[in-house]
Amino acid sequence: MLKFIVIFFLFFWIVFKLGGFLVRMFFGNMANQSRQNTTQQNYQQRQPSEGNVHIDYVPKQKKGKVDKHDFKGGDYVDYEEV
C-alpha cells in the first residue's frame, strides 16, 4: 500500500512539473508574438503619412534681444489622454 501511494504522488508530481513547463512554454510564445504584433502596430500608427503637415502661421523672428513683455502667449491646446 505504501508503494502505491509513493508511486501515485511521484506520478502526479512529474505530471505537475512537466505540465507547468509545457504551459509556460506555450503561453510564453503566445505572449511574445502578441507583444511583437502590438509593438509593430504601434510603430506603424506613429509614422506620419506624406502630406498631412499643414502650418497656418509662422511668426516673424526678431533679431537681437527678446523682451518678455512682447510675448502675448500661445494658443491653448487641449490635452487628451490616450
PDB file of N, CA and C in Angstrom:
ATOM      1  N   MET A   1       0.822  -1.189   0.000  1.00  0.00           N
ATOM      2  CA  MET A   1       0.000   0.000   0.000  1.00  0.00           C
ATOM      3  C   MET A   1       0.873   1.264   0.000  1.00  0.00           C
ATOM      4  N   LEU A   2       1.934   1.263   0.774  1.00  0.00           N
ATOM      5  CA  LEU A   2       2.831   2.412   0.830  1.00  0.00           C
ATOM      6  C   LEU A   2       3.490   2.630  -0.525  1.00  0.00           C
ATOM      7  N   LYS A   3       3.837   1.561  -1.198  1.00  0.00           N
ATOM      8  CA  LYS A   3       4.455   1.651  -2.525  1.00  0.00           C
ATOM      9  C   LYS A   3       3.495   2.318  -3.518  1.00  0.00           C
ATOM     10  N   PHE A   4       2.206   1.958  -3.435  1.00  0.00           N
ATOM     11  CA  PHE A   4       1.197   2.541  -4.317  1.00  0.00           C
ATOM     12  C   PHE A   4       1.073   4.051  -4.088  1.00  0.00           C
ATOM     13  N   ILE A   5       1.064   4.487  -2.839  1.00  0.00           N
ATOM     14  CA  ILE A   5       0.920   5.908  -2.512  1.00  0.00           C
ATOM     15  C   ILE A   5       2.148   6.687  -3.001  1.00  0.00           C
ATOM     16  N   VAL A   6       3.334   6.141  -2.820  1.00  0.00           N
ATOM     17  CA  VAL A   6       4.547   6.815  -3.269  1.00  0.00           C
ATOM     18  C   VAL A   6       4.556   6.943  -4.790  1.00  0.00           C
ATOM     19  N   ILE A   7       4.205   5.880  -5.491  1.00  0.00           N
ATOM     20  CA  ILE A   7       4.159   5.930  -6.961  1.00  0.00           C
ATOM     21  C   ILE A   7       3.088   6.913  -7.417  1.00  0.00           C
ATOM     22  N   PHE A   8       1.939   6.919  -6.754  1.00  0.00           N
ATOM     23  CA  PHE A   8       0.836   7.827  -7.087  1.00  0.00           C
ATOM     24  C   PHE A   8       1.294   9.286  -6.971  1.00  0.00           C
ATOM     25  N   PHE A   9       1.926   9.651  -5.854  1.00  0.00           N
ATOM     26  CA  PHE A   9       2.397  11.022  -5.661  1.00  0.00           C
ATOM     27  C   PHE A   9       3.532  11.370  -6.619  1.00  0.00           C
ATOM     28  N   LEU A  10       4.436  10.450  -6.880  1.00  0.00           N
ATOM     29  CA  LEU A  10       5.514  10.710  -7.840  1.00  0.00           C
ATOM     30  C   LEU A  10       4.960  10.962  -9.239  1.00  0.00           C
ATOM     31  N   PHE A  11       3.980  10.156  -9.636  1.00  0.00           N
ATOM     32  CA  PHE A  11       3.375  10.317 -10.959  1.00  0.00           C
ATOM     33  C   PHE A  11       2.749  11.709 -11.102  1.00  0.00           C
ATOM     34  N   PHE A  12       1.947  12.125 -10.124  1.00  0.00           N
ATOM     35  CA  PHE A  12       1.293  13.430 -10.208  1.00  0.00           C
ATOM     36  C   PHE A  12       2.285  14.575 -10.059  1.00  0.00           C
ATOM     37  N   TRP A  13       3.352  14.398  -9.285  1.00  0.00           N
ATOM     38  CA  TRP A  13       4.376  15.418  -9.151  1.00  0.00           C
ATOM     39  C   TRP A  13       5.070  15.635 -10.493  1.00  0.00           C
ATOM     40  N   ILE A  14       5.397  14.535 -11.198  1.00  0.00           N
ATOM     41  CA  ILE A  14       6.049  14.640 -12.512  1.00  0.00           C
ATOM     42  C   ILE A  14       5.108  15.279 -13.521  1.00  0.00           C
ATOM     43  N   VAL A  15       3.844  14.871 -13.522  1.00  0.00           N
ATOM     44  CA  VAL A  15       2.860  15.456 -14.446  1.00  0.00           C
ATOM     45  C   VAL A  15       2.693  16.943 -14.153  1.00  0.00           C
ATOM     46  N   PHE A  16       2.657  17.314 -12.881  1.00  0.00           N
ATOM     47  CA  PHE A  16       2.508  18.716 -12.495  1.00  0.00           C
ATOM     48  C   PHE A  16       3.694  19.541 -12.986  1.00  0.00           C
ATOM     49  N   LYS A  17       4.905  19.070 -12.751  1.00  0.00           N
ATOM     50  CA  LYS A  17       6.105  19.803 -13.178  1.00  0.00           C
ATOM     51  C   LYS A  17       6.197  19.883 -14.699  1.00  0.00           C
ATOM     52  N   LEU A  18       5.967  18.771 -15.376  1.00  0.00           N
ATOM     53  CA  LEU A  18       6.043  18.747 -16.840  1.00  0.00           C
ATOM     54  C   LEU A  18       4.932  19.597 -17.451  1.00  0.00           C
ATOM     55  N   GLY A  19       3.730  19.526 -16.891  1.00  0.00           N
ATOM     56  CA  GLY A  19       2.606  20.326 -17.387  1.00  0.00           C
ATOM     57  C   GLY A  19       2.862  21.810 -17.224  1.00  0.00           C
ATOM     58  N   GLY A  20       3.405  22.199 -16.082  1.00  0.00           N
ATOM     59  CA  GLY A  20       3.719  23.613 -15.853  1.00  0.00           C
ATOM     60  C   GLY A  20       4.747  24.126 -16.847  1.00  0.00           C
ATOM     61  N   PHE A  21       5.743  23.301 -17.128  1.00  0.00           N
ATOM     62  CA  PHE A  21       6.763  23.682 -18.108  1.00  0.00           C
ATOM     63  C   PHE A  21       6.150  23.847 -19.498  1.00  0.00           C
ATOM     64  N   LEU A  22       5.312  22.900 -19.903  1.00  0.00           N
ATOM     65  CA  LEU A  22       4.695  22.966 -21.238  1.00  0.00           C
ATOM     66  C   LEU A  22       3.743  24.156 -21.357  1.00  0.00           C
ATOM     67  N   VAL A  23       2.986  24.418 -20.304  1.00  0.00           N
ATOM     68  CA  VAL A  23       2.055  25.552 -20.335  1.00  0.00           C
ATOM     69  C   VAL A  23       2.823  26.870 -20.423  1.00  0.00           C
ATOM     70  N   ARG A  24       3.887  27.016 -19.626  1.00  0.00           N
ATOM     71  CA  ARG A  24       4.695  28.240 -19.689  1.00  0.00           C
ATOM     72  C   ARG A  24       5.317  28.421 -21.059  1.00  0.00           C
ATOM     73  N   MET A  25       5.770  27.324 -21.650  1.00  0.00           N
ATOM     74  CA  MET A  25       6.386  27.411 -22.974  1.00  0.00           C
ATOM     75  C   MET A  25       5.350  27.829 -24.026  1.00  0.00           C
ATOM     76  N   PHE A  26       4.162  27.236 -23.966  1.00  0.00           N
ATOM     77  CA  PHE A  26       3.113  27.542 -24.945  1.00  0.00           C
ATOM     78  C   PHE A  26       2.615  28.975 -24.793  1.00  0.00           C
ATOM     79  N   PHE A  27       2.255  29.374 -23.573  1.00  0.00           N
ATOM     80  CA  PHE A  27       1.724  30.717 -23.353  1.00  0.00           C
ATOM     81  C   PHE A  27       2.813  31.775 -23.445  1.00  0.00           C
ATOM     82  N   GLY A  28       4.051  31.407 -23.156  1.00  0.00           N
ATOM     83  CA  GLY A  28       5.158  32.345 -23.314  1.00  0.00           C
ATOM     84  C   GLY A  28       5.355  32.719 -24.765  1.00  0.00           C
ATOM     85  N   ASN A  29       5.268  31.725 -25.654  1.00  0.00           N
ATOM     86  CA  ASN A  29       5.384  32.008 -27.085  1.00  0.00           C
ATOM     87  C   ASN A  29       4.221  32.865 -27.568  1.00  0.00           C
ATOM     88  N   MET A  30       3.024  32.577 -27.082  1.00  0.00           N
ATOM     89  CA  MET A  30       1.865  33.379 -27.482  1.00  0.00           C
ATOM     90  C   MET A  30       2.014  34.816 -26.991  1.00  0.00           C
ATOM     91  N   ALA A  31       2.510  35.003 -25.779  1.00  0.00           N
ATOM     92  CA  ALA A  31       2.683  36.355 -25.229  1.00  0.00           C
ATOM     93  C   ALA A  31       3.739  37.121 -26.017  1.00  0.00           C
ATOM     94  N   ASN A  32       4.829  36.457 -26.396  1.00  0.00           N
ATOM     95  CA  ASN A  32       5.870  37.130 -27.182  1.00  0.00           C
ATOM     96  C   ASN A  32       5.344  37.543 -28.553  1.00  0.00           C
ATOM     97  N   GLN A  33       4.582  36.671 -29.192  1.00  0.00           N
ATOM     98  CA  GLN A  33       4.016  37.002 -30.502  1.00  0.00           C
ATOM     99  C   GLN A  33       3.045  38.175 -30.378  1.00  0.00           C
ATOM    100  N   SER A  34       2.210  38.154 -29.341  1.00  0.00           N
ATOM    101  CA  SER A  34       1.258  39.246 -29.133  1.00  0.00           C
ATOM    102  C   SER A  34       1.986  40.562 -28.875  1.00  0.00           C
ATOM    103  N   ARG A  35       3.053  40.521 -28.077  1.00  0.00           N
ATOM    104  CA  ARG A  35       3.828  41.730 -27.776  1.00  0.00           C
ATOM    105  C   ARG A  35       4.485  42.273 -29.036  1.00  0.00           C
ATOM    106  N   GLN A  36       5.017  41.390 -29.881  1.00  0.00           N
ATOM    107  CA  GLN A  36       5.651  41.834 -31.123  1.00  0.00           C
ATOM    108  C   GLN A  36       4.626  42.447 -32.071  1.00  0.00           C
ATOM    109  N   ASN A  37       3.448  41.830 -32.177  1.00  0.00           N
ATOM    110  CA  ASN A  37       2.402  42.371 -33.051  1.00  0.00           C
ATOM    111  C   ASN A  37       1.955  43.744 -32.570  1.00  0.00           C
ATOM    112  N   THR A  38       1.778  43.898 -31.263  1.00  0.00           N
ATOM    113  CA  THR A  38       1.348  45.183 -30.717  1.00  0.00           C
ATOM    114  C   THR A  38       2.403  46.253 -30.948  1.00  0.00           C
ATOM    115  N   THR A  39       3.664  45.908 -30.730  1.00  0.00           N
ATOM    116  CA  THR A  39       4.748  46.860 -30.945  1.00  0.00           C
ATOM    117  C   THR A  39       4.813  47.286 -32.400  1.00  0.00           C
ATOM    118  N   GLN A  40       4.650  46.334 -33.301  1.00  0.00           N
ATOM    119  CA  GLN A  40       4.709  46.639 -34.730  1.00  0.00           C
ATOM    120  C   GLN A  40       3.531  47.523 -35.136  1.00  0.00           C
ATOM    121  N   GLN A  41       2.338  47.247 -34.619  1.00  0.00           N
ATOM    122  CA  GLN A  41       1.173  48.061 -34.953  1.00  0.00           C
ATOM    123  C   GLN A  41       1.338  49.485 -34.417  1.00  0.00           C
ATOM    124  N   ASN A  42       1.851  49.618 -33.183  1.00  0.00           N
ATOM    125  CA  ASN A  42       2.060  50.959 -32.612  1.00  0.00           C
ATOM    126  C   ASN A  42       3.085  51.733 -33.423  1.00  0.00           C
ATOM    127  N   TYR A  43       4.138  51.070 -33.876  1.00  0.00           N
ATOM    128  CA  TYR A  43       5.160  51.736 -34.673  1.00  0.00           C
ATOM    129  C   TYR A  43       4.576  52.221 -35.996  1.00  0.00           C
ATOM    130  N   GLN A  44       3.736  51.402 -36.622  1.00  0.00           N
ATOM    131  CA  GLN A  44       3.140  51.788 -37.901  1.00  0.00           C
ATOM    132  C   GLN A  44       2.169  52.943 -37.728  1.00  0.00           C
ATOM    133  N   GLN A  45       1.451  52.995 -36.613  1.00  0.00           N
ATOM    134  CA  GLN A  45       0.494  54.074 -36.383  1.00  0.00           C
ATOM    135  C   GLN A  45       1.199  55.393 -36.114  1.00  0.00           C
ATOM    136  N   ARG A  46       2.396  55.357 -35.559  1.00  0.00           N
ATOM    137  CA  ARG A  46       3.111  56.583 -35.232  1.00  0.00           C
ATOM    138  C   ARG A  46       3.769  57.221 -36.441  1.00  0.00           C
ATOM    139  N   GLN A  47       3.953  56.487 -37.508  1.00  0.00           N
ATOM    140  CA  GLN A  47       4.614  57.023 -38.685  1.00  0.00           C
ATOM    141  C   GLN A  47       3.666  57.988 -39.392  1.00  0.00           C
ATOM    142  N   PRO A  48       4.020  59.254 -39.518  1.00  0.00           N
ATOM    143  CA  PRO A  48       3.129  60.183 -40.223  1.00  0.00           C
ATOM    144  C   PRO A  48       3.145  59.892 -41.727  1.00  0.00           C
ATOM    145  N   SER A  49       1.990  59.988 -42.313  1.00  0.00           N
ATOM    146  CA  SER A  49       1.928  59.771 -43.754  1.00  0.00           C
ATOM    147  C   SER A  49       2.314  61.063 -44.468  1.00  0.00           C
ATOM    148  N   GLU A  50       2.674  60.944 -45.713  1.00  0.00           N
ATOM    149  CA  GLU A  50       3.147  62.082 -46.501  1.00  0.00           C
ATOM    150  C   GLU A  50       2.039  63.116 -46.685  1.00  0.00           C
ATOM    151  N   GLY A  51       2.373  64.395 -46.517  1.00  0.00           N
ATOM    152  CA  GLY A  51       1.464  65.479 -46.872  1.00  0.00           C
ATOM    153  C   GLY A  51       0.431  65.838 -45.834  1.00  0.00           C
ATOM    154  N   ASN A  52       0.493  65.332 -44.618  1.00  0.00           N
ATOM    155  CA  ASN A  52      -0.511  65.658 -43.625  1.00  0.00           C
ATOM    156  C   ASN A  52      -0.121  66.836 -42.738  1.00  0.00           C
ATOM    157  N   VAL A  53       1.071  67.390 -42.903  1.00  0.00           N
ATOM    158  CA  VAL A  53       1.518  68.502 -42.070  1.00  0.00           C
ATOM    159  C   VAL A  53       1.122  69.813 -42.748  1.00  0.00           C
ATOM    160  N   HIS A  54       0.419  70.666 -41.977  1.00  0.00           N
ATOM    161  CA  HIS A  54      -0.030  71.941 -42.515  1.00  0.00           C
ATOM    162  C   HIS A  54       0.262  73.020 -41.470  1.00  0.00           C
ATOM    163  N   ILE A  55       1.050  74.012 -41.835  1.00  0.00           N
ATOM    164  CA  ILE A  55       1.402  75.104 -40.938  1.00  0.00           C
ATOM    165  C   ILE A  55       0.655  76.345 -41.400  1.00  0.00           C
ATOM    166  N   ASP A  56      -0.202  76.883 -40.512  1.00  0.00           N
ATOM    167  CA  ASP A  56      -1.011  78.040 -40.867  1.00  0.00           C
ATOM    168  C   ASP A  56      -0.236  79.353 -40.737  1.00  0.00           C
ATOM    169  N   TYR A  57       0.606  79.445 -39.712  1.00  0.00           N
ATOM    170  CA  TYR A  57       1.233  80.735 -39.429  1.00  0.00           C
ATOM    171  C   TYR A  57       2.616  80.507 -38.834  1.00  0.00           C
ATOM    172  N   VAL A  58       3.585  81.233 -39.359  1.00  0.00           N
ATOM    173  CA  VAL A  58       4.939  81.217 -38.809  1.00  0.00           C
ATOM    174  C   VAL A  58       5.244  82.634 -38.375  1.00  0.00           C
ATOM    175  N   PRO A  59       5.442  82.850 -37.056  1.00  0.00           N
ATOM    176  CA  PRO A  59       5.692  84.223 -36.590  1.00  0.00           C
ATOM    177  C   PRO A  59       7.041  84.731 -37.071  1.00  0.00           C
ATOM    178  N   LYS A  60       7.119  86.052 -37.226  1.00  0.00           N
ATOM    179  CA  LYS A  60       8.374  86.671 -37.658  1.00  0.00           C
ATOM    180  C   LYS A  60       9.378  86.618 -36.525  1.00  0.00           C
ATOM    181  N   GLN A  61      10.606  86.363 -36.854  1.00  0.00           N
ATOM    182  CA  GLN A  61      11.676  86.296 -35.862  1.00  0.00           C
ATOM    183  C   GLN A  61      12.309  87.676 -35.721  1.00  0.00           C
ATOM    184  N   LYS A  62      12.453  88.143 -34.490  1.00  0.00           N
ATOM    185  CA  LYS A  62      13.102  89.423 -34.241  1.00  0.00           C
ATOM    186  C   LYS A  62      14.578  89.173 -34.006  1.00  0.00           C
ATOM    187  N   LYS A  63      15.379  90.016 -34.565  1.00  0.00           N
ATOM    188  CA  LYS A  63      16.807  89.913 -34.334  1.00  0.00           C
ATOM    189  C   LYS A  63      17.155  90.726 -33.088  1.00  0.00           C
ATOM    190  N   GLY A  64      18.093  90.238 -32.329  1.00  0.00           N
ATOM    191  CA  GLY A  64      18.534  90.964 -31.139  1.00  0.00           C
ATOM    192  C   GLY A  64      17.911  90.395 -29.881  1.00  0.00           C
ATOM    193  N   LYS A  65      17.768  91.270 -28.893  1.00  0.00           N
ATOM    194  CA  LYS A  65      17.285  90.854 -27.580  1.00  0.00           C
ATOM    195  C   LYS A  65      15.765  90.624 -27.608  1.00  0.00           C
ATOM    196  N   VAL A  66      15.350  89.534 -26.974  1.00  0.00           N
ATOM    197  CA  VAL A  66      13.922  89.217 -26.898  1.00  0.00           C
ATOM    198  C   VAL A  66      13.377  89.746 -25.587  1.00  0.00           C
ATOM    199  N   ASP A  67      12.318  90.521 -25.654  1.00  0.00           N
ATOM    200  CA  ASP A  67      11.720  91.111 -24.460  1.00  0.00           C
ATOM    201  C   ASP A  67      10.588  90.211 -23.971  1.00  0.00           C
ATOM    202  N   LYS A  68      10.521  89.991 -22.654  1.00  0.00           N
ATOM    203  CA  LYS A  68       9.477  89.131 -22.095  1.00  0.00           C
ATOM    204  C   LYS A  68       8.095  89.750 -22.248  1.00  0.00           C
ATOM    205  N   HIS A  69       8.009  91.049 -22.294  1.00  0.00           N
ATOM    206  CA  HIS A  69       6.717  91.714 -22.357  1.00  0.00           C
ATOM    207  C   HIS A  69       6.105  91.655 -23.754  1.00  0.00           C
ATOM    208  N   ASP A  70       6.899  91.331 -24.762  1.00  0.00           N
ATOM    209  CA  ASP A  70       6.368  91.229 -26.125  1.00  0.00           C
ATOM    210  C   ASP A  70       5.615  89.926 -26.349  1.00  0.00           C
ATOM    211  N   PHE A  71       5.832  88.973 -25.500  1.00  0.00           N
ATOM    212  CA  PHE A  71       5.183  87.671 -25.677  1.00  0.00           C
ATOM    213  C   PHE A  71       3.726  87.769 -25.245  1.00  0.00           C
ATOM    214  N   LYS A  72       2.819  87.486 -26.178  1.00  0.00           N
ATOM    215  CA  LYS A  72       1.392  87.613 -25.900  1.00  0.00           C
ATOM    216  C   LYS A  72       0.759  86.273 -25.560  1.00  0.00           C
ATOM    217  N   GLY A  73       1.547  85.203 -25.486  1.00  0.00           N
ATOM    218  CA  GLY A  73       1.009  83.888 -25.150  1.00  0.00           C
ATOM    219  C   GLY A  73       0.721  83.096 -26.406  1.00  0.00           C
ATOM    220  N   GLY A  74       0.356  81.879 -26.203  1.00  0.00           N
ATOM    221  CA  GLY A  74       0.067  80.999 -27.324  1.00  0.00           C
ATOM    222  C   GLY A  74      -1.348  80.461 -27.241  1.00  0.00           C
ATOM    223  N   ASP A  75      -1.678  79.643 -28.175  1.00  0.00           N
ATOM    224  CA  ASP A  75      -2.995  79.024 -28.188  1.00  0.00           C
ATOM    225  C   ASP A  75      -3.041  77.903 -27.159  1.00  0.00           C
ATOM    226  N   TYR A  76      -4.201  77.732 -26.544  1.00  0.00           N
ATOM    227  CA  TYR A  76      -4.391  76.647 -25.594  1.00  0.00           C
ATOM    228  C   TYR A  76      -4.684  75.372 -26.388  1.00  0.00           C
ATOM    229  N   VAL A  77      -3.930  74.338 -26.098  1.00  0.00           N
ATOM    230  CA  VAL A  77      -4.132  73.067 -26.778  1.00  0.00           C
ATOM    231  C   VAL A  77      -4.688  72.090 -25.766  1.00  0.00           C
ATOM    232  N   ASP A  78      -5.862  71.564 -26.057  1.00  0.00           N
ATOM    233  CA  ASP A  78      -6.498  70.598 -25.165  1.00  0.00           C
ATOM    234  C   ASP A  78      -5.679  69.326 -25.106  1.00  0.00           C
ATOM    235  N   TYR A  79      -5.437  68.826 -23.912  1.00  0.00           N
ATOM    236  CA  TYR A  79      -4.687  67.595 -23.738  1.00  0.00           C
ATOM    237  C   TYR A  79      -5.681  66.455 -23.584  1.00  0.00           C
ATOM    238  N   GLU A  80      -5.550  65.469 -24.431  1.00  0.00           N
ATOM    239  CA  GLU A  80      -6.441  64.333 -24.345  1.00  0.00           C
ATOM    240  C   GLU A  80      -5.622  63.090 -24.026  1.00  0.00           C
ATOM    241  N   GLU A  81      -5.969  62.444 -22.938  1.00  0.00           N
ATOM    242  CA  GLU A  81      -5.223  61.248 -22.539  1.00  0.00           C
ATOM    243  C   GLU A  81      -5.633  60.081 -23.414  1.00  0.00           C
ATOM    244  N   VAL A  82      -4.644  59.372 -23.895  1.00  0.00           N
ATOM    245  CA  VAL A  82      -4.920  58.261 -24.804  1.00  0.00           C
ATOM    246  C   VAL A  82      -5.067  56.991 -24.016  1.00  0.00           C
TER     247      VAL A  82
END
